[in-house]
Every structure is written in structure tokens, then in C-alpha cells.
Amino acid sequence: MSDEIRHGHAETEFEREDLRARPILMFLFWLAVAIAVLAAGLRGAYVLMDRFERDRQPEVNPLKPAPKADTREASEPDTRVFPEPRLEVTEGGQLDKDLAKEEDRLNSYGWVDEKAGTVHIPIERAMHLVAERGLPVRPQEQKK
């Protein structure tokens, strides 16, 4: 019995090699070939579709000015002609303007409704006033 434990059973063996490299390399090779074939096929399809679209474009009127090469940004005349709601000309610039306007409103004094006497104050000043005076409280109704 002790010989069996030390040397193992004669009918059982252990695996000498976990994984061979050749099947993995073959899989990677055929994967690369398939990707290359698909990429070439897609490139060819896009070239054909582009040629098809260019061939069917109407002729440009010679009196009409040529379009700009870069159509990602709208020019000033384009933005005035375009109907409402207009798209943003420069997204970052518009966001910067909006943030600056909000920041100015948060950090300045001004009228909300001059007739009613309602004003807005800087947010820092408002926080100091709340810390000094506390939040306003409505009077509790007396139960009869």
C-alpha cells in the first residue's frame, strides 16, 4: 500500500503537456487573415459606394459659389439664413459663454423684479447671511 502512495498507480498517468503552441499560433494566423480580408472587403465596398454617389451627383451651377471644403463649422451668413432652432456654431464657445453668464449671475448683485423689490445677491454672501440669521421659519398655527 505504501508503494502505491509513493509511486502512484500504474494505470494512471499525468498530462505531460498542457497546451501546444501550434494550434494557438494557427488560430491567431487565421484570425489575422480573416481580419485583413474583411478590412479589404469593407474598404472596397466604401470605395464603390463613394464612386456610386459621386457619379450620381447633379451638376453644380457655375454661377453658384463653390462650397467650403470644411463644412463642420457654419459661417455667419449660414447661421442667419438657417431657420429656428439654429444649431450651435461652436459648441465649446457657446458652452463657455453660458458658463460665464451663470458664474456672473452667481457672483453679482442685481434685480430679479424691481417693482416687487426682489434682488439676487452673490451666493457667498447668501451663505454667510444664512449662517448668521438661520433659515426663515413659518409661524406654526395654534391648535384650538
C-alpha atoms as a PDB file:
ATOM      1  CA  MET A   1       0.000   0.000   0.000  1.00  0.00           C
ATOM      2  CA  SER A   2       2.780   2.427   0.798  1.00  0.00           C
ATOM      3  CA  ASP A   3       4.408   1.715  -2.579  1.00  0.00           C
ATOM      4  CA  GLU A   4       1.166   2.704  -4.311  1.00  0.00           C
ATOM      5  CA  ILE A   5       1.026   6.015  -2.477  1.00  0.00           C
ATOM      6  CA  ARG A   6       4.639   6.903  -3.187  1.00  0.00           C
ATOM      7  CA  HIS A   7       4.738   5.882  -6.837  1.00  0.00           C
ATOM      8  CA  GLY A   8       1.081   6.209  -7.863  1.00  0.00           C
ATOM      9  CA  HIS A   9      -0.996   3.628  -9.693  1.00  0.00           C
ATOM     10  CA  ALA A  10       0.359   2.061 -12.835  1.00  0.00           C
ATOM     11  CA  GLU A  11      -2.829   2.671 -14.862  1.00  0.00           C
ATOM     12  CA  THR A  12      -2.951   6.452 -14.166  1.00  0.00           C
ATOM     13  CA  GLU A  13      -0.670   8.934 -15.844  1.00  0.00           C
ATOM     14  CA  PHE A  14      -0.261  12.704 -15.670  1.00  0.00           C
ATOM     15  CA  GLU A  15      -0.513  15.077 -18.575  1.00  0.00           C
ATOM     16  CA  ARG A  16       2.938  15.861 -19.901  1.00  0.00           C
ATOM     17  CA  GLU A  17       1.969  18.943 -21.893  1.00  0.00           C
ATOM     18  CA  ASP A  18      -0.768  21.398 -21.020  1.00  0.00           C
ATOM     19  CA  LEU A  19      -1.190  23.191 -24.309  1.00  0.00           C
ATOM     20  CA  ARG A  20       0.652  23.044 -27.593  1.00  0.00           C
ATOM     21  CA  ALA A  21       1.687  26.296 -29.245  1.00  0.00           C
ATOM     22  CA  ARG A  22       0.938  25.272 -32.846  1.00  0.00           C
ATOM     23  CA  PRO A  23      -2.898  25.327 -32.582  1.00  0.00           C
ATOM     24  CA  ILE A  24      -2.803  28.718 -30.874  1.00  0.00           C
ATOM     25  CA  LEU A  25      -0.481  30.175 -33.496  1.00  0.00           C
ATOM     26  CA  MET A  26      -2.619  28.740 -36.305  1.00  0.00           C
ATOM     27  CA  PHE A  27      -5.743  30.269 -34.768  1.00  0.00           C
ATOM     28  CA  LEU A  28      -4.041  33.675 -34.487  1.00  0.00           C
ATOM     29  CA  PHE A  29      -2.769  33.423 -38.071  1.00  0.00           C
ATOM     30  CA  TRP A  30      -6.215  32.623 -39.494  1.00  0.00           C
ATOM     31  CA  LEU A  31      -7.780  35.320 -37.330  1.00  0.00           C
ATOM     32  CA  ALA A  32      -5.349  37.879 -38.777  1.00  0.00           C
ATOM     33  CA  VAL A  33      -6.093  36.640 -42.312  1.00  0.00           C
ATOM     34  CA  ALA A  34      -9.856  36.923 -41.715  1.00  0.00           C
ATOM     35  CA  ILE A  35      -9.479  40.457 -40.327  1.00  0.00           C
ATOM     36  CA  ALA A  36      -7.345  41.502 -43.307  1.00  0.00           C
ATOM     37  CA  VAL A  37      -9.865  40.049 -45.788  1.00  0.00           C
ATOM     38  CA  LEU A  38     -12.779  41.767 -44.031  1.00  0.00           C
ATOM     39  CA  ALA A  39     -10.938  45.094 -43.865  1.00  0.00           C
ATOM     40  CA  ALA A  40     -10.092  44.906 -47.571  1.00  0.00           C
ATOM     41  CA  GLY A  41     -13.693  43.985 -48.397  1.00  0.00           C
ATOM     42  CA  LEU A  42     -15.073  46.898 -46.367  1.00  0.00           C
ATOM     43  CA  ARG A  43     -12.582  49.305 -47.924  1.00  0.00           C
ATOM     44  CA  GLY A  44     -13.617  48.134 -51.390  1.00  0.00           C
ATOM     45  CA  ALA A  45     -17.304  48.480 -50.525  1.00  0.00           C
ATOM     46  CA  TYR A  46     -16.778  52.052 -49.307  1.00  0.00           C
ATOM     47  CA  VAL A  47     -14.804  52.960 -52.426  1.00  0.00           C
ATOM     48  CA  LEU A  48     -17.592  51.571 -54.620  1.00  0.00           C
ATOM     49  CA  MET A  49     -20.303  53.396 -52.665  1.00  0.00           C
ATOM     50  CA  ASP A  50     -18.334  56.649 -52.809  1.00  0.00           C
ATOM     51  CA  ARG A  51     -17.854  56.321 -56.566  1.00  0.00           C
ATOM     52  CA  PHE A  52     -21.541  55.449 -56.998  1.00  0.00           C
ATOM     53  CA  GLU A  53     -22.564  58.569 -55.021  1.00  0.00           C
ATOM     54  CA  ARG A  54     -20.134  60.868 -56.862  1.00  0.00           C
ATOM     55  CA  ASP A  55     -21.352  59.649 -60.270  1.00  0.00           C
ATOM     56  CA  ARG A  56     -24.965  60.474 -59.426  1.00  0.00           C
ATOM     57  CA  GLN A  57     -24.387  64.000 -58.065  1.00  0.00           C
ATOM     58  CA  PRO A  58     -26.192  66.741 -60.013  1.00  0.00           C
ATOM     59  CA  GLU A  59     -24.049  69.227 -61.885  1.00  0.00           C
ATOM     60  CA  VAL A  60     -23.132  72.355 -59.971  1.00  0.00           C
ATOM     61  CA  ASN A  61     -24.435  75.646 -61.301  1.00  0.00           C
ATOM     62  CA  PRO A  62     -21.402  77.656 -62.489  1.00  0.00           C
ATOM     63  CA  LEU A  63     -22.938  80.857 -61.067  1.00  0.00           C
ATOM     64  CA  LYS A  64     -23.236  79.412 -57.572  1.00  0.00           C
ATOM     65  CA  PRO A  65     -20.178  79.877 -55.326  1.00  0.00           C
ATOM     66  CA  ALA A  66     -18.224  76.738 -54.561  1.00  0.00           C
ATOM     67  CA  PRO A  67     -18.965  75.196 -51.158  1.00  0.00           C
ATOM     68  CA  LYS A  68     -16.376  75.388 -48.404  1.00  0.00           C
ATOM     69  CA  ALA A  69     -14.135  72.375 -48.048  1.00  0.00           C
ATOM     70  CA  ASP A  70     -14.731  72.180 -44.298  1.00  0.00           C
ATOM     71  CA  THR A  71     -18.446  72.012 -43.536  1.00  0.00           C
ATOM     72  CA  ARG A  72     -18.080  71.235 -39.832  1.00  0.00           C
ATOM     73  CA  GLU A  73     -18.397  74.890 -38.801  1.00  0.00           C
ATOM     74  CA  ALA A  74     -21.132  77.166 -40.055  1.00  0.00           C
ATOM     75  CA  SER A  75     -20.249  80.626 -41.327  1.00  0.00           C
ATOM     76  CA  GLU A  76     -22.060  83.738 -40.071  1.00  0.00           C
ATOM     77  CA  PRO A  77     -24.336  84.138 -43.141  1.00  0.00           C
ATOM     78  CA  ASP A  78     -25.300  80.463 -42.912  1.00  0.00           C
ATOM     79  CA  THR A  79     -26.429  80.857 -39.305  1.00  0.00           C
ATOM     80  CA  ARG A  80     -28.701  83.824 -40.104  1.00  0.00           C
ATOM     81  CA  VAL A  81     -30.383  82.062 -43.032  1.00  0.00           C
ATOM     82  CA  PHE A  82     -30.980  78.793 -41.219  1.00  0.00           C
ATOM     83  CA  PRO A  83     -34.461  78.577 -39.619  1.00  0.00           C
ATOM     84  CA  GLU A  84     -35.053  78.297 -35.879  1.00  0.00           C
ATOM     85  CA  PRO A  85     -33.989  76.383 -33.839  1.00  0.00           C
ATOM     86  CA  ARG A  86     -30.444  77.018 -35.027  1.00  0.00           C
ATOM     87  CA  LEU A  87     -27.585  74.680 -34.362  1.00  0.00           C
ATOM     88  CA  GLU A  88     -24.578  75.800 -32.358  1.00  0.00           C
ATOM     89  CA  VAL A  89     -21.764  77.250 -34.438  1.00  0.00           C
ATOM     90  CA  THR A  90     -19.039  76.345 -31.971  1.00  0.00           C
ATOM     91  CA  GLU A  91     -20.128  74.083 -29.179  1.00  0.00           C
ATOM     92  CA  GLY A  92     -17.225  74.908 -26.849  1.00  0.00           C
ATOM     93  CA  GLY A  93     -17.586  78.653 -27.342  1.00  0.00           C
ATOM     94  CA  GLN A  94     -21.312  78.553 -26.652  1.00  0.00           C
ATOM     95  CA  LEU A  95     -20.756  76.491 -23.515  1.00  0.00           C
ATOM     96  CA  ASP A  96     -18.085  78.920 -22.316  1.00  0.00           C
ATOM     97  CA  LYS A  97     -20.488  81.855 -22.824  1.00  0.00           C
ATOM     98  CA  ASP A  98     -23.271  80.084 -20.925  1.00  0.00           C
ATOM     99  CA  LEU A  99     -20.969  79.135 -18.038  1.00  0.00           C
ATOM    100  CA  ALA A 100     -19.599  82.691 -17.821  1.00  0.00           C
ATOM    101  CA  LYS A 101     -23.148  84.091 -17.736  1.00  0.00           C
ATOM    102  CA  GLU A 102     -24.146  81.669 -14.951  1.00  0.00           C
ATOM    103  CA  GLU A 103     -20.964  82.419 -12.990  1.00  0.00           C
ATOM    104  CA  ASP A 104     -21.606  86.162 -13.323  1.00  0.00           C
ATOM    105  CA  ARG A 105     -25.171  85.719 -12.080  1.00  0.00           C
ATOM    106  CA  LEU A 106     -23.995  83.677  -9.063  1.00  0.00           C
ATOM    107  CA  ASN A 107     -21.362  86.236  -8.079  1.00  0.00           C
ATOM    108  CA  SER A 108     -23.136  89.574  -8.610  1.00  0.00           C
ATOM    109  CA  TYR A 109     -25.923  91.754  -7.286  1.00  0.00           C
ATOM    110  CA  GLY A 110     -28.953  92.584  -9.417  1.00  0.00           C
ATOM    111  CA  TRP A 111     -32.692  92.925  -9.692  1.00  0.00           C
ATOM    112  CA  VAL A 112     -34.938  89.921 -10.188  1.00  0.00           C
ATOM    113  CA  ASP A 113     -38.116  92.031 -10.096  1.00  0.00           C
ATOM    114  CA  GLU A 114     -37.551  95.720  -9.480  1.00  0.00           C
ATOM    115  CA  LYS A 115     -41.246  96.522  -8.964  1.00  0.00           C
ATOM    116  CA  ALA A 116     -41.624  93.840  -6.306  1.00  0.00           C
ATOM    117  CA  GLY A 117     -38.278  94.710  -4.734  1.00  0.00           C
ATOM    118  CA  THR A 118     -36.757  91.270  -5.302  1.00  0.00           C
ATOM    119  CA  VAL A 119     -32.970  91.132  -5.795  1.00  0.00           C
ATOM    120  CA  HIS A 120     -30.347  88.467  -6.225  1.00  0.00           C
ATOM    121  CA  ILE A 121     -27.108  88.522  -4.254  1.00  0.00           C
ATOM    122  CA  PRO A 122     -23.816  86.628  -4.627  1.00  0.00           C
ATOM    123  CA  ILE A 123     -24.016  83.067  -3.436  1.00  0.00           C
ATOM    124  CA  GLU A 124     -21.152  83.509  -0.954  1.00  0.00           C
ATOM    125  CA  ARG A 125     -22.962  86.455   0.680  1.00  0.00           C
ATOM    126  CA  ALA A 126     -26.200  84.446   0.801  1.00  0.00           C
ATOM    127  CA  MET A 127     -24.446  81.568   2.578  1.00  0.00           C
ATOM    128  CA  HIS A 128     -22.979  83.979   5.167  1.00  0.00           C
ATOM    129  CA  LEU A 129     -26.405  85.514   5.793  1.00  0.00           C
ATOM    130  CA  VAL A 130     -27.998  82.082   6.258  1.00  0.00           C
ATOM    131  CA  ALA A 131     -25.211  81.093   8.640  1.00  0.00           C
ATOM    132  CA  GLU A 132     -25.704  84.299  10.676  1.00  0.00           C
ATOM    133  CA  ARG A 133     -29.504  84.510  10.713  1.00  0.00           C
ATOM    134  CA  GLY A 134     -30.587  80.933  10.059  1.00  0.00           C
ATOM    135  CA  LEU A 135     -33.253  79.817   7.636  1.00  0.00           C
ATOM    136  CA  PRO A 136     -36.607  81.611   7.710  1.00  0.00           C
ATOM    137  CA  VAL A 137     -39.310  79.691   9.540  1.00  0.00           C
ATOM    138  CA  ARG A 138     -43.073  79.971   9.049  1.00  0.00           C
ATOM    139  CA  PRO A 139     -45.048  80.539  12.203  1.00  0.00           C
ATOM    140  CA  GLN A 140     -46.860  77.464  13.470  1.00  0.00           C
ATOM    141  CA  GLU A 141     -50.639  77.625  13.594  1.00  0.00           C
ATOM    142  CA  GLN A 142     -52.133  77.394  17.058  1.00  0.00           C
ATOM    143  CA  LYS A 143     -54.413  74.392  17.555  1.00  0.00           C
ATOM    144  CA  LYS A 144     -57.728  75.253  19.196  1.00  0.00           C
END
